[in-house]
Amino acid sequence: MAKTPSQLKNAVPPCFRAIIDPYPKLEHFDRVWERFESKCIYCAKALSRGNRDAFCYHLLPFAEGGANDIGNFALTCAKCSDEKQNEHWESFLRKKVSDENLFRSKKNKIEKWLKDNSEEHRLISEELRNALAAASSKVRAEIDSAVKDLKAKRRAAFGGPDSEQNSDPNSGENRHEED
């Protein structure tokens, strides 16, 4: 659960995206693990389920129309996931794999995965992506406005500056709220 306005604003786009592009059920990810043999498709690092170093990552990023279809996911390690970001899978694979035969083998494996799952591979139109961005921006602006109003009411009721020392009972440490 979001504890700060910033966390709330960051949660808006994924929540809205789930409306137009639902995430696959967890059991569907078994196919990804099996197909990629519990190894990162880019660097071949062995991965274990439940570890924070393993991700089912989009091959085609949302920014390019990639959907949350199971056929648009590949298994990656945390390092490759961080490095790839929104880069197209093929250009990233080219950077990671210098041996031409290994590159072709991995590329063929991904392309076969995409082909085998083509009925589950949709593209999210630019129109829908723009609608999502607009809806997210609108809600984020409303959150900013509500925060501003609440801070003004707090000042009126209690006096003092906008920024106060707050204790987060769940973290065991003090934090300085600036949102």
Foldseek 3Di string as FASTA:
>chain_A
DDDALVSVLVVQLVVLLCVVFNADDPVLCVVQCVLQVCAALQQRHHHDPPDPQKDFDFQQDLVFFWGNFSLRTHIHTNVLCVVCPRPHNLVSSCVRDVDPVSSVVSVVSSVVSCVVCVVRTGGHDPVNVVVSVVVSVVVSVVSVVVLVVVLVVCCVVPNDDSWDWDDDVVPRDIDIHDD
